[in-house]
Amino acid sequence: MSGAAVTTVPRAACSRHPRAPPQPNEPVSTFPEPVLHLVNGFVLPIDEPAHIAGVAYPEIMSPARSQRIAGIVLLFGFVYLAFEFIAAMAWVDPPYDWAANYISDLGFADCAVVEGMRLCSPLHPLMNAGFLVQGTVFTIGSILVVRLMLPERWTRVLVGILLVISGAGTFLVGIFHQSLGLYEAGLNSFHVFAAFLAIGAGNIGIVLLGLLVLGQREWRGYGIAVLAIGVIGIAAGLLLLARNDLGLGIGVVERIAVYPLNAWTIGTGVGLLVKGVRDRRRFARARAAAATPSPA
């Protein structure tokens, strides 16, 4: 239990009201006086020093706080989807086409005809802010998640690097947002490169994360779900790179490549918070059971 402050004390010493000595003719309790652990302020039974209610102590203590923080951070992934929807609804001339338009068209800073399509996004600053928020949330959340789920250093480094690259790519999409100035300066390739970094590294990263947690009973179901959405994202990313929309529209294919990353962000955030609530309930039940004396 590295990092946990552990003190071994008699149960009676944990009470705010120390037990008074027995009076004459008063029956003496036959219950044993078990010894307890005080771990980071929590009272735990000494006879089960490694696990309680199936949950390891280290997973209840400081990692529980990291788990809660990671969940809250990742929930901010909703901001990106909300900003995308609002920016799309603001298009009026012509209306935004979810199938034909790229996501980045929502962040195009001018009104112009590009590759035969008229682009005019009144709320382009909002969309580009969404890229910046998503990139930041994805980066910070990824670092916290790999530390929680991956026990070996090399796996944390490998998956962490891929996910951080993805988050940085999304952030750069917002920085190098599309505009006539970007085209005229010949810098649009920076935007495209950042987008493929975000899609490629992100989907590969979550596939590896899914594979690496499959062997952990605690994360097995999560690993299967993450692996599935990552594979879908990689396949759609390859179609996007080949500019093959399968008749669905290039905007649909791009979203199939991008939305697995949003699903991972929000889904992991929700999952971590729900898991935290369940762990606290299990721990509370186990602690209550430990505090109930049993006959000798």
C-alpha atoms as a PDB file:
ATOM      1  CA  MET A   1       0.000   0.000   0.000  1.00  0.00           C
ATOM      2  CA  SER A   2       2.542   2.559  -1.122  1.00  0.00           C
ATOM      3  CA  GLY A   3       1.711   6.127  -0.250  1.00  0.00           C
ATOM      4  CA  ALA A   4      -0.943   5.164   2.327  1.00  0.00           C
ATOM      5  CA  ALA A   5      -0.551   6.099   5.969  1.00  0.00           C
ATOM      6  CA  VAL A   6      -1.286   2.933   7.980  1.00  0.00           C
ATOM      7  CA  THR A   7      -1.656   2.728  11.732  1.00  0.00           C
ATOM      8  CA  THR A   8      -2.685  -0.374  13.669  1.00  0.00           C
ATOM      9  CA  VAL A   9      -4.837   0.301  16.721  1.00  0.00           C
ATOM     10  CA  PRO A  10      -7.386  -1.507  18.914  1.00  0.00           C
ATOM     11  CA  ARG A  11     -10.991  -0.996  17.884  1.00  0.00           C
ATOM     12  CA  ALA A  12     -11.823   0.751  21.141  1.00  0.00           C
ATOM     13  CA  ALA A  13      -9.227   3.423  20.415  1.00  0.00           C
ATOM     14  CA  CYS A  14     -11.143   4.426  17.286  1.00  0.00           C
ATOM     15  CA  SER A  15     -14.180   5.486  19.290  1.00  0.00           C
ATOM     16  CA  ARG A  16     -14.844   9.112  20.142  1.00  0.00           C
ATOM     17  CA  HIS A  17     -16.173   7.930  23.487  1.00  0.00           C
ATOM     18  CA  PRO A  18     -13.703   5.469  25.061  1.00  0.00           C
ATOM     19  CA  ARG A  19     -15.318   2.499  26.697  1.00  0.00           C
ATOM     20  CA  ALA A  20     -15.785   2.921  30.481  1.00  0.00           C
ATOM     21  CA  PRO A  21     -14.469   0.171  32.737  1.00  0.00           C
ATOM     22  CA  PRO A  22     -17.127  -2.444  33.639  1.00  0.00           C
ATOM     23  CA  GLN A  23     -19.059  -1.855  36.859  1.00  0.00           C
ATOM     24  CA  PRO A  24     -19.426  -4.546  39.551  1.00  0.00           C
ATOM     25  CA  ASN A  25     -21.877  -7.298  38.551  1.00  0.00           C
ATOM     26  CA  GLU A  26     -22.059  -5.860  35.006  1.00  0.00           C
ATOM     27  CA  PRO A  27     -21.876  -8.605  32.354  1.00  0.00           C
ATOM     28  CA  VAL A  28     -18.715  -8.398  30.311  1.00  0.00           C
ATOM     29  CA  SER A  29     -19.026  -8.621  26.529  1.00  0.00           C
ATOM     30  CA  THR A  30     -17.787 -11.848  25.032  1.00  0.00           C
ATOM     31  CA  PHE A  31     -17.124 -10.242  21.665  1.00  0.00           C
ATOM     32  CA  PRO A  32     -13.456 -10.141  20.708  1.00  0.00           C
ATOM     33  CA  GLU A  33     -11.547  -6.881  20.525  1.00  0.00           C
ATOM     34  CA  PRO A  34     -10.379  -6.980  16.925  1.00  0.00           C
ATOM     35  CA  VAL A  35      -7.481  -4.898  15.739  1.00  0.00           C
ATOM     36  CA  LEU A  36      -8.099  -2.389  12.954  1.00  0.00           C
ATOM     37  CA  HIS A  37      -6.087  -0.556  10.351  1.00  0.00           C
ATOM     38  CA  LEU A  38      -6.372   3.205   9.995  1.00  0.00           C
ATOM     39  CA  VAL A  39      -5.600   3.797   6.316  1.00  0.00           C
ATOM     40  CA  ASN A  40      -5.682   7.423   5.231  1.00  0.00           C
ATOM     41  CA  GLY A  41      -8.322   8.064   7.849  1.00  0.00           C
ATOM     42  CA  PHE A  42     -10.490   5.038   7.008  1.00  0.00           C
ATOM     43  CA  VAL A  43     -11.042   2.187   9.478  1.00  0.00           C
ATOM     44  CA  LEU A  44     -10.333  -1.200   7.927  1.00  0.00           C
ATOM     45  CA  PRO A  45     -10.105  -4.698   9.476  1.00  0.00           C
ATOM     46  CA  ILE A  46      -6.660  -6.179   9.961  1.00  0.00           C
ATOM     47  CA  ASP A  47      -7.804  -9.682   9.039  1.00  0.00           C
ATOM     48  CA  GLU A  48      -8.222  -8.657   5.393  1.00  0.00           C
ATOM     49  CA  PRO A  49      -5.201  -6.439   4.763  1.00  0.00           C
ATOM     50  CA  ALA A  50      -5.131  -6.675   0.986  1.00  0.00           C
ATOM     51  CA  HIS A  51      -8.751  -6.453  -0.183  1.00  0.00           C
ATOM     52  CA  ILE A  52     -12.139  -5.424   1.125  1.00  0.00           C
ATOM     53  CA  ALA A  53     -15.340  -6.207  -0.756  1.00  0.00           C
ATOM     54  CA  GLY A  54     -13.197  -7.257  -3.704  1.00  0.00           C
ATOM     55  CA  VAL A  55     -11.581  -3.832  -4.081  1.00  0.00           C
ATOM     56  CA  ALA A  56      -7.904  -3.279  -3.366  1.00  0.00           C
ATOM     57  CA  TYR A  57      -7.173  -0.569  -0.793  1.00  0.00           C
ATOM     58  CA  PRO A  58      -4.979   1.452  -3.181  1.00  0.00           C
ATOM     59  CA  GLU A  59      -7.897   1.528  -5.640  1.00  0.00           C
ATOM     60  CA  ILE A  60     -10.162   2.970  -2.937  1.00  0.00           C
ATOM     61  CA  MET A  61      -7.816   5.633  -1.637  1.00  0.00           C
ATOM     62  CA  SER A  62      -5.682   8.033  -3.701  1.00  0.00           C
ATOM     63  CA  PRO A  63      -6.495   6.480  -7.122  1.00  0.00           C
ATOM     64  CA  ALA A  64     -10.178   7.006  -6.333  1.00  0.00           C
ATOM     65  CA  ARG A  65      -9.518  10.713  -6.282  1.00  0.00           C
ATOM     66  CA  SER A  66      -7.577  10.512  -9.571  1.00  0.00           C
ATOM     67  CA  GLN A  67     -10.427   8.472 -11.040  1.00  0.00           C
ATOM     68  CA  ARG A  68     -12.952  11.117 -10.033  1.00  0.00           C
ATOM     69  CA  ILE A  69     -10.817  13.948 -11.421  1.00  0.00           C
ATOM     70  CA  ALA A  70     -10.276  12.087 -14.714  1.00  0.00           C
ATOM     71  CA  GLY A  71     -14.010  11.467 -15.031  1.00  0.00           C
ATOM     72  CA  ILE A  72     -14.864  15.121 -14.478  1.00  0.00           C
ATOM     73  CA  VAL A  73     -12.205  16.314 -16.938  1.00  0.00           C
ATOM     74  CA  LEU A  74     -13.340  13.933 -19.673  1.00  0.00           C
ATOM     75  CA  LEU A  75     -16.982  14.938 -19.294  1.00  0.00           C
ATOM     76  CA  PHE A  76     -16.019  18.312 -20.740  1.00  0.00           C
ATOM     77  CA  GLY A  77     -15.885  16.457 -24.059  1.00  0.00           C
ATOM     78  CA  PHE A  78     -19.578  17.369 -24.294  1.00  0.00           C
ATOM     79  CA  VAL A  79     -18.466  20.948 -24.976  1.00  0.00           C
ATOM     80  CA  TYR A  80     -17.022  20.055 -28.375  1.00  0.00           C
ATOM     81  CA  LEU A  81     -20.179  18.290 -29.572  1.00  0.00           C
ATOM     82  CA  ALA A  82     -22.368  21.119 -28.299  1.00  0.00           C
ATOM     83  CA  PHE A  83     -20.246  23.740 -30.066  1.00  0.00           C
ATOM     84  CA  GLU A  84     -20.264  21.723 -33.296  1.00  0.00           C
ATOM     85  CA  PHE A  85     -24.058  21.421 -33.260  1.00  0.00           C
ATOM     86  CA  ILE A  86     -24.597  25.123 -32.469  1.00  0.00           C
ATOM     87  CA  ALA A  87     -22.146  26.224 -35.182  1.00  0.00           C
ATOM     88  CA  ALA A  88     -23.852  23.965 -37.746  1.00  0.00           C
ATOM     89  CA  MET A  89     -27.310  25.320 -36.870  1.00  0.00           C
ATOM     90  CA  ALA A  90     -26.061  28.864 -37.446  1.00  0.00           C
ATOM     91  CA  TRP A  91     -25.394  28.202 -41.156  1.00  0.00           C
ATOM     92  CA  VAL A  92     -28.160  29.710 -43.296  1.00  0.00           C
ATOM     93  CA  ASP A  93     -26.682  30.471 -46.723  1.00  0.00           C
ATOM     94  CA  PRO A  94     -26.563  27.636 -47.588  1.00  0.00           C
ATOM     95  CA  PRO A  95     -27.533  25.380 -44.667  1.00  0.00           C
ATOM     96  CA  TYR A  96     -24.778  23.154 -43.362  1.00  0.00           C
ATOM     97  CA  ASP A  97     -24.788  19.715 -44.997  1.00  0.00           C
ATOM     98  CA  TRP A  98     -23.770  17.074 -42.443  1.00  0.00           C
ATOM     99  CA  ALA A  99     -23.075  14.563 -45.221  1.00  0.00           C
ATOM    100  CA  ALA A 100     -21.241  16.754 -47.739  1.00  0.00           C
ATOM    101  CA  ASN A 101     -19.360  19.234 -45.532  1.00  0.00           C
ATOM    102  CA  TYR A 102     -16.251  18.524 -43.528  1.00  0.00           C
ATOM    103  CA  ILE A 103     -16.276  19.233 -39.800  1.00  0.00           C
ATOM    104  CA  SER A 104     -13.577  21.864 -40.282  1.00  0.00           C
ATOM    105  CA  ASP A 105     -15.878  23.800 -42.624  1.00  0.00           C
ATOM    106  CA  LEU A 106     -17.654  24.947 -39.461  1.00  0.00           C
ATOM    107  CA  GLY A 107     -14.446  26.699 -38.430  1.00  0.00           C
ATOM    108  CA  PHE A 108     -13.763  28.345 -41.824  1.00  0.00           C
ATOM    109  CA  ALA A 109     -13.160  31.995 -40.991  1.00  0.00           C
ATOM    110  CA  ASP A 110     -14.380  33.579 -44.257  1.00  0.00           C
ATOM    111  CA  CYS A 111     -17.286  33.376 -46.668  1.00  0.00           C
ATOM    112  CA  ALA A 112     -15.973  31.915 -49.911  1.00  0.00           C
ATOM    113  CA  VAL A 113     -16.352  29.154 -52.481  1.00  0.00           C
ATOM    114  CA  VAL A 114     -13.785  26.432 -51.875  1.00  0.00           C
ATOM    115  CA  GLU A 115     -13.547  23.324 -54.096  1.00  0.00           C
ATOM    116  CA  GLY A 116     -16.968  24.119 -55.529  1.00  0.00           C
ATOM    117  CA  MET A 117     -18.679  24.520 -52.138  1.00  0.00           C
ATOM    118  CA  ARG A 118     -19.777  27.767 -50.557  1.00  0.00           C
ATOM    119  CA  LEU A 119     -18.475  28.022 -47.007  1.00  0.00           C
ATOM    120  CA  CYS A 120     -19.818  30.642 -44.629  1.00  0.00           C
ATOM    121  CA  SER A 121     -19.817  29.827 -40.924  1.00  0.00           C
ATOM    122  CA  PRO A 122     -21.137  32.702 -38.783  1.00  0.00           C
ATOM    123  CA  LEU A 123     -20.007  30.999 -35.569  1.00  0.00           C
ATOM    124  CA  HIS A 124     -16.567  29.858 -36.742  1.00  0.00           C
ATOM    125  CA  PRO A 125     -14.896  31.198 -33.544  1.00  0.00           C
ATOM    126  CA  LEU A 126     -17.153  28.928 -31.487  1.00  0.00           C
ATOM    127  CA  MET A 127     -16.242  25.856 -33.539  1.00  0.00           C
ATOM    128  CA  ASN A 128     -12.526  26.602 -33.330  1.00  0.00           C
ATOM    129  CA  ALA A 129     -12.863  27.109 -29.587  1.00  0.00           C
ATOM    130  CA  GLY A 130     -14.455  23.661 -29.503  1.00  0.00           C
ATOM    131  CA  PHE A 131     -11.341  22.164 -31.115  1.00  0.00           C
ATOM    132  CA  LEU A 132      -9.163  23.857 -28.500  1.00  0.00           C
ATOM    133  CA  VAL A 133     -11.342  22.600 -25.640  1.00  0.00           C
ATOM    134  CA  GLN A 134     -11.486  19.043 -27.015  1.00  0.00           C
ATOM    135  CA  GLY A 135      -7.720  18.957 -27.558  1.00  0.00           C
ATOM    136  CA  THR A 136      -7.062  20.121 -24.005  1.00  0.00           C
ATOM    137  CA  VAL A 137      -9.620  17.768 -22.437  1.00  0.00           C
ATOM    138  CA  PHE A 138      -8.394  14.790 -24.458  1.00  0.00           C
ATOM    139  CA  THR A 139      -4.749  15.432 -23.572  1.00  0.00           C
ATOM    140  CA  ILE A 140      -5.229  15.880 -19.822  1.00  0.00           C
ATOM    141  CA  GLY A 141      -7.807  13.094 -19.580  1.00  0.00           C
ATOM    142  CA  SER A 142      -5.591  10.660 -21.474  1.00  0.00           C
ATOM    143  CA  ILE A 143      -2.672  11.183 -19.101  1.00  0.00           C
ATOM    144  CA  LEU A 144      -4.918  10.513 -16.103  1.00  0.00           C
ATOM    145  CA  VAL A 145      -6.584   7.472 -17.680  1.00  0.00           C
ATOM    146  CA  VAL A 146      -3.416   5.620 -18.660  1.00  0.00           C
ATOM    147  CA  ARG A 147      -2.046   6.099 -15.133  1.00  0.00           C
ATOM    148  CA  LEU A 148      -5.226   4.593 -13.723  1.00  0.00           C
ATOM    149  CA  MET A 149      -5.624   1.635 -16.053  1.00  0.00           C
ATOM    150  CA  LEU A 150      -2.171   0.569 -17.181  1.00  0.00           C
ATOM    151  CA  PRO A 151       0.110  -0.861 -14.480  1.00  0.00           C
ATOM    152  CA  GLU A 152       3.303  -1.161 -16.544  1.00  0.00           C
ATOM    153  CA  ARG A 153       5.382   1.904 -17.321  1.00  0.00           C
ATOM    154  CA  TRP A 154       6.083   1.039 -20.969  1.00  0.00           C
ATOM    155  CA  THR A 155       2.380   0.625 -21.722  1.00  0.00           C
ATOM    156  CA  ARG A 156       1.564   3.942 -20.065  1.00  0.00           C
ATOM    157  CA  VAL A 157       4.268   5.682 -22.084  1.00  0.00           C
ATOM    158  CA  LEU A 158       3.270   4.090 -25.418  1.00  0.00           C
ATOM    159  CA  VAL A 159      -0.476   4.658 -25.158  1.00  0.00           C
ATOM    160  CA  GLY A 160      -0.005   8.011 -23.439  1.00  0.00           C
ATOM    161  CA  ILE A 161       2.189   9.354 -26.240  1.00  0.00           C
ATOM    162  CA  LEU A 162      -0.322   8.347 -28.913  1.00  0.00           C
ATOM    163  CA  LEU A 163      -3.275   9.886 -27.074  1.00  0.00           C
ATOM    164  CA  VAL A 164      -1.378  13.077 -26.241  1.00  0.00           C
ATOM    165  CA  ILE A 165      -0.379  13.428 -29.915  1.00  0.00           C
ATOM    166  CA  SER A 166      -4.060  13.083 -30.813  1.00  0.00           C
ATOM    167  CA  GLY A 167      -5.078  15.748 -28.323  1.00  0.00           C
ATOM    168  CA  ALA A 168      -2.337  18.059 -29.571  1.00  0.00           C
ATOM    169  CA  GLY A 169      -3.490  17.473 -33.154  1.00  0.00           C
ATOM    170  CA  THR A 170      -7.051  18.479 -32.282  1.00  0.00           C
ATOM    171  CA  PHE A 171      -5.736  21.591 -30.533  1.00  0.00           C
ATOM    172  CA  LEU A 172      -3.676  22.506 -33.632  1.00  0.00           C
ATOM    173  CA  VAL A 173      -6.766  22.082 -35.835  1.00  0.00           C
ATOM    174  CA  GLY A 174      -8.275  24.950 -33.838  1.00  0.00           C
ATOM    175  CA  ILE A 175      -5.088  27.017 -34.051  1.00  0.00           C
ATOM    176  CA  PHE A 176      -4.565  26.495 -37.800  1.00  0.00           C
ATOM    177  CA  HIS A 177      -8.272  26.783 -38.577  1.00  0.00           C
ATOM    178  CA  GLN A 178      -9.213  27.036 -42.205  1.00  0.00           C
ATOM    179  CA  SER A 179      -9.459  30.458 -43.853  1.00  0.00           C
ATOM    180  CA  LEU A 180      -8.644  32.169 -47.143  1.00  0.00           C
ATOM    181  CA  GLY A 181      -5.513  33.539 -45.498  1.00  0.00           C
ATOM    182  CA  LEU A 182      -4.357  30.024 -44.610  1.00  0.00           C
ATOM    183  CA  TYR A 183      -4.901  28.869 -48.205  1.00  0.00           C
ATOM    184  CA  GLU A 184      -3.137  31.909 -49.666  1.00  0.00           C
ATOM    185  CA  ALA A 185      -0.166  31.429 -47.321  1.00  0.00           C
ATOM    186  CA  GLY A 186       0.093  27.776 -48.337  1.00  0.00           C
ATOM    187  CA  LEU A 187      -0.388  26.660 -44.740  1.00  0.00           C
ATOM    188  CA  ASN A 188      -3.558  24.635 -45.151  1.00  0.00           C
ATOM    189  CA  SER A 189      -1.413  21.496 -45.119  1.00  0.00           C
ATOM    190  CA  PHE A 190      -0.728  22.212 -41.421  1.00  0.00           C
ATOM    191  CA  HIS A 191      -4.449  22.006 -40.741  1.00  0.00           C
ATOM    192  CA  VAL A 192      -4.822  18.747 -42.696  1.00  0.00           C
ATOM    193  CA  PHE A 193      -1.753  17.202 -41.031  1.00  0.00           C
ATOM    194  CA  ALA A 194      -3.014  18.143 -37.557  1.00  0.00           C
ATOM    195  CA  ALA A 195      -6.403  16.591 -38.345  1.00  0.00           C
ATOM    196  CA  PHE A 196      -4.858  13.289 -39.406  1.00  0.00           C
ATOM    197  CA  LEU A 197      -2.623  13.289 -36.331  1.00  0.00           C
ATOM    198  CA  ALA A 198      -5.725  13.671 -34.190  1.00  0.00           C
ATOM    199  CA  ILE A 199      -7.665  10.931 -35.976  1.00  0.00           C
ATOM    200  CA  GLY A 200      -4.852   8.441 -36.585  1.00  0.00           C
ATOM    201  CA  ALA A 201      -2.945   8.613 -33.311  1.00  0.00           C
ATOM    202  CA  GLY A 202      -6.158   8.830 -31.293  1.00  0.00           C
ATOM    203  CA  ASN A 203      -7.841   5.764 -32.756  1.00  0.00           C
ATOM    204  CA  ILE A 204      -4.650   3.688 -32.665  1.00  0.00           C
ATOM    205  CA  GLY A 205      -4.127   4.785 -29.072  1.00  0.00           C
ATOM    206  CA  ILE A 206      -7.562   3.730 -27.870  1.00  0.00           C
ATOM    207  CA  VAL A 207      -7.259   0.393 -29.714  1.00  0.00           C
ATOM    208  CA  LEU A 208      -4.001  -0.298 -27.866  1.00  0.00           C
ATOM    209  CA  LEU A 209      -5.575   0.808 -24.589  1.00  0.00           C
ATOM    210  CA  GLY A 210      -8.461  -1.599 -25.169  1.00  0.00           C
ATOM    211  CA  LEU A 211      -6.105  -4.475 -25.942  1.00  0.00           C
ATOM    212  CA  LEU A 212      -3.932  -3.814 -22.902  1.00  0.00           C
ATOM    213  CA  VAL A 213      -6.787  -3.724 -20.397  1.00  0.00           C
ATOM    214  CA  LEU A 214      -8.521  -6.873 -21.670  1.00  0.00           C
ATOM    215  CA  GLY A 215      -6.520  -8.959 -19.229  1.00  0.00           C
ATOM    216  CA  GLN A 216      -7.780  -6.965 -16.236  1.00  0.00           C
ATOM    217  CA  ARG A 217     -11.133  -8.198 -14.978  1.00  0.00           C
ATOM    218  CA  GLU A 218     -11.957  -4.728 -13.698  1.00  0.00           C
ATOM    219  CA  TRP A 219     -11.640  -3.132 -17.160  1.00  0.00           C
ATOM    220  CA  ARG A 220     -12.427  -6.071 -19.489  1.00  0.00           C
ATOM    221  CA  GLY A 221     -15.846  -4.863 -20.674  1.00  0.00           C
ATOM    222  CA  TYR A 222     -14.485  -1.363 -21.117  1.00  0.00           C
ATOM    223  CA  GLY A 223     -11.577  -2.755 -23.143  1.00  0.00           C
ATOM    224  CA  ILE A 224     -13.892  -4.589 -25.536  1.00  0.00           C
ATOM    225  CA  ALA A 225     -15.981  -1.463 -26.154  1.00  0.00           C
ATOM    226  CA  VAL A 226     -12.935   0.765 -26.648  1.00  0.00           C
ATOM    227  CA  LEU A 227     -11.319  -1.743 -28.990  1.00  0.00           C
ATOM    228  CA  ALA A 228     -14.455  -1.884 -31.139  1.00  0.00           C
ATOM    229  CA  ILE A 229     -14.893   1.858 -31.554  1.00  0.00           C
ATOM    230  CA  GLY A 230     -11.173   2.331 -32.203  1.00  0.00           C
ATOM    231  CA  VAL A 231     -11.165  -0.227 -35.018  1.00  0.00           C
ATOM    232  CA  ILE A 232     -14.171   1.514 -36.595  1.00  0.00           C
ATOM    233  CA  GLY A 233     -12.362   4.849 -36.311  1.00  0.00           C
ATOM    234  CA  ILE A 234      -9.215   3.500 -37.970  1.00  0.00           C
ATOM    235  CA  ALA A 235     -11.188   1.975 -40.861  1.00  0.00           C
ATOM    236  CA  ALA A 236     -13.063   5.218 -41.463  1.00  0.00           C
ATOM    237  CA  GLY A 237      -9.816   7.183 -41.199  1.00  0.00           C
ATOM    238  CA  LEU A 238      -8.294   5.093 -43.991  1.00  0.00           C
ATOM    239  CA  LEU A 239     -11.365   5.726 -46.154  1.00  0.00           C
ATOM    240  CA  LEU A 240     -11.068   9.441 -45.412  1.00  0.00           C
ATOM    241  CA  LEU A 241      -7.386   9.406 -46.391  1.00  0.00           C
ATOM    242  CA  ALA A 242      -8.353   7.749 -49.680  1.00  0.00           C
ATOM    243  CA  ARG A 243     -11.233  10.232 -50.087  1.00  0.00           C
ATOM    244  CA  ASN A 244     -13.617   7.313 -50.549  1.00  0.00           C
ATOM    245  CA  ASP A 245     -16.998   8.084 -49.025  1.00  0.00           C
ATOM    246  CA  LEU A 246     -18.677   4.779 -50.031  1.00  0.00           C
ATOM    247  CA  GLY A 247     -21.594   6.863 -51.269  1.00  0.00           C
ATOM    248  CA  LEU A 248     -22.341   8.101 -47.742  1.00  0.00           C
ATOM    249  CA  GLY A 249     -20.826  11.542 -48.139  1.00  0.00           C
ATOM    250  CA  ILE A 250     -17.360  12.597 -47.053  1.00  0.00           C
ATOM    251  CA  GLY A 251     -18.796  14.360 -43.993  1.00  0.00           C
ATOM    252  CA  VAL A 252     -20.312  11.098 -42.751  1.00  0.00           C
ATOM    253  CA  VAL A 253     -17.057   9.168 -43.235  1.00  0.00           C
ATOM    254  CA  GLU A 254     -15.099  11.885 -41.430  1.00  0.00           C
ATOM    255  CA  ARG A 255     -17.481  11.756 -38.488  1.00  0.00           C
ATOM    256  CA  ILE A 256     -17.214   7.957 -38.299  1.00  0.00           C
ATOM    257  CA  ALA A 257     -13.445   8.503 -38.013  1.00  0.00           C
ATOM    258  CA  VAL A 258     -13.653  11.353 -35.477  1.00  0.00           C
ATOM    259  CA  TYR A 259     -16.612  10.489 -33.260  1.00  0.00           C
ATOM    260  CA  PRO A 260     -14.984   7.364 -31.747  1.00  0.00           C
ATOM    261  CA  LEU A 261     -12.591   9.808 -30.053  1.00  0.00           C
ATOM    262  CA  ASN A 262     -15.508  11.836 -28.720  1.00  0.00           C
ATOM    263  CA  ALA A 263     -17.260   8.648 -27.643  1.00  0.00           C
ATOM    264  CA  TRP A 264     -14.109   7.529 -25.819  1.00  0.00           C
ATOM    265  CA  THR A 265     -13.754  10.899 -24.093  1.00  0.00           C
ATOM    266  CA  ILE A 266     -17.326  11.169 -22.849  1.00  0.00           C
ATOM    267  CA  GLY A 267     -17.915   7.439 -22.317  1.00  0.00           C
ATOM    268  CA  THR A 268     -14.746   7.036 -20.258  1.00  0.00           C
ATOM    269  CA  GLY A 269     -15.646  10.084 -18.193  1.00  0.00           C
ATOM    270  CA  VAL A 270     -19.118   8.770 -17.406  1.00  0.00           C
ATOM    271  CA  GLY A 271     -17.787   5.270 -16.755  1.00  0.00           C
ATOM    272  CA  LEU A 272     -15.126   6.447 -14.301  1.00  0.00           C
ATOM    273  CA  LEU A 273     -17.608   8.513 -12.317  1.00  0.00           C
ATOM    274  CA  VAL A 274     -20.136   5.665 -12.163  1.00  0.00           C
ATOM    275  CA  LYS A 275     -17.394   3.250 -11.116  1.00  0.00           C
ATOM    276  CA  GLY A 276     -16.323   5.660  -8.391  1.00  0.00           C
ATOM    277  CA  VAL A 277     -19.836   5.768  -6.955  1.00  0.00           C
ATOM    278  CA  ARG A 278     -20.081   1.953  -6.978  1.00  0.00           C
ATOM    279  CA  ASP A 279     -16.678   1.569  -5.335  1.00  0.00           C
ATOM    280  CA  ARG A 280     -17.594   3.993  -2.559  1.00  0.00           C
ATOM    281  CA  ARG A 281     -20.836   2.108  -1.884  1.00  0.00           C
ATOM    282  CA  ARG A 282     -19.028  -1.227  -1.762  1.00  0.00           C
ATOM    283  CA  PHE A 283     -16.431   0.207   0.561  1.00  0.00           C
ATOM    284  CA  ALA A 284     -19.089   1.708   2.833  1.00  0.00           C
ATOM    285  CA  ARG A 285     -20.856  -1.656   3.075  1.00  0.00           C
ATOM    286  CA  ALA A 286     -17.596  -3.432   3.812  1.00  0.00           C
ATOM    287  CA  ARG A 287     -16.609  -0.886   6.427  1.00  0.00           C
ATOM    288  CA  ALA A 288     -20.000  -1.219   8.104  1.00  0.00           C
ATOM    289  CA  ALA A 289     -19.598  -4.986   8.128  1.00  0.00           C
ATOM    290  CA  ALA A 290     -16.117  -4.654   9.643  1.00  0.00           C
ATOM    291  CA  ALA A 291     -17.467  -2.415  12.393  1.00  0.00           C
ATOM    292  CA  THR A 292     -20.140  -4.967  13.401  1.00  0.00           C
ATOM    293  CA  PRO A 293     -18.755  -7.339  16.063  1.00  0.00           C
ATOM    294  CA  SER A 294     -19.283 -11.027  15.468  1.00  0.00           C
ATOM    295  CA  PRO A 295     -19.641 -13.729  18.153  1.00  0.00           C
ATOM    296  CA  ALA A 296     -16.505 -15.630  19.005  1.00  0.00           C
END
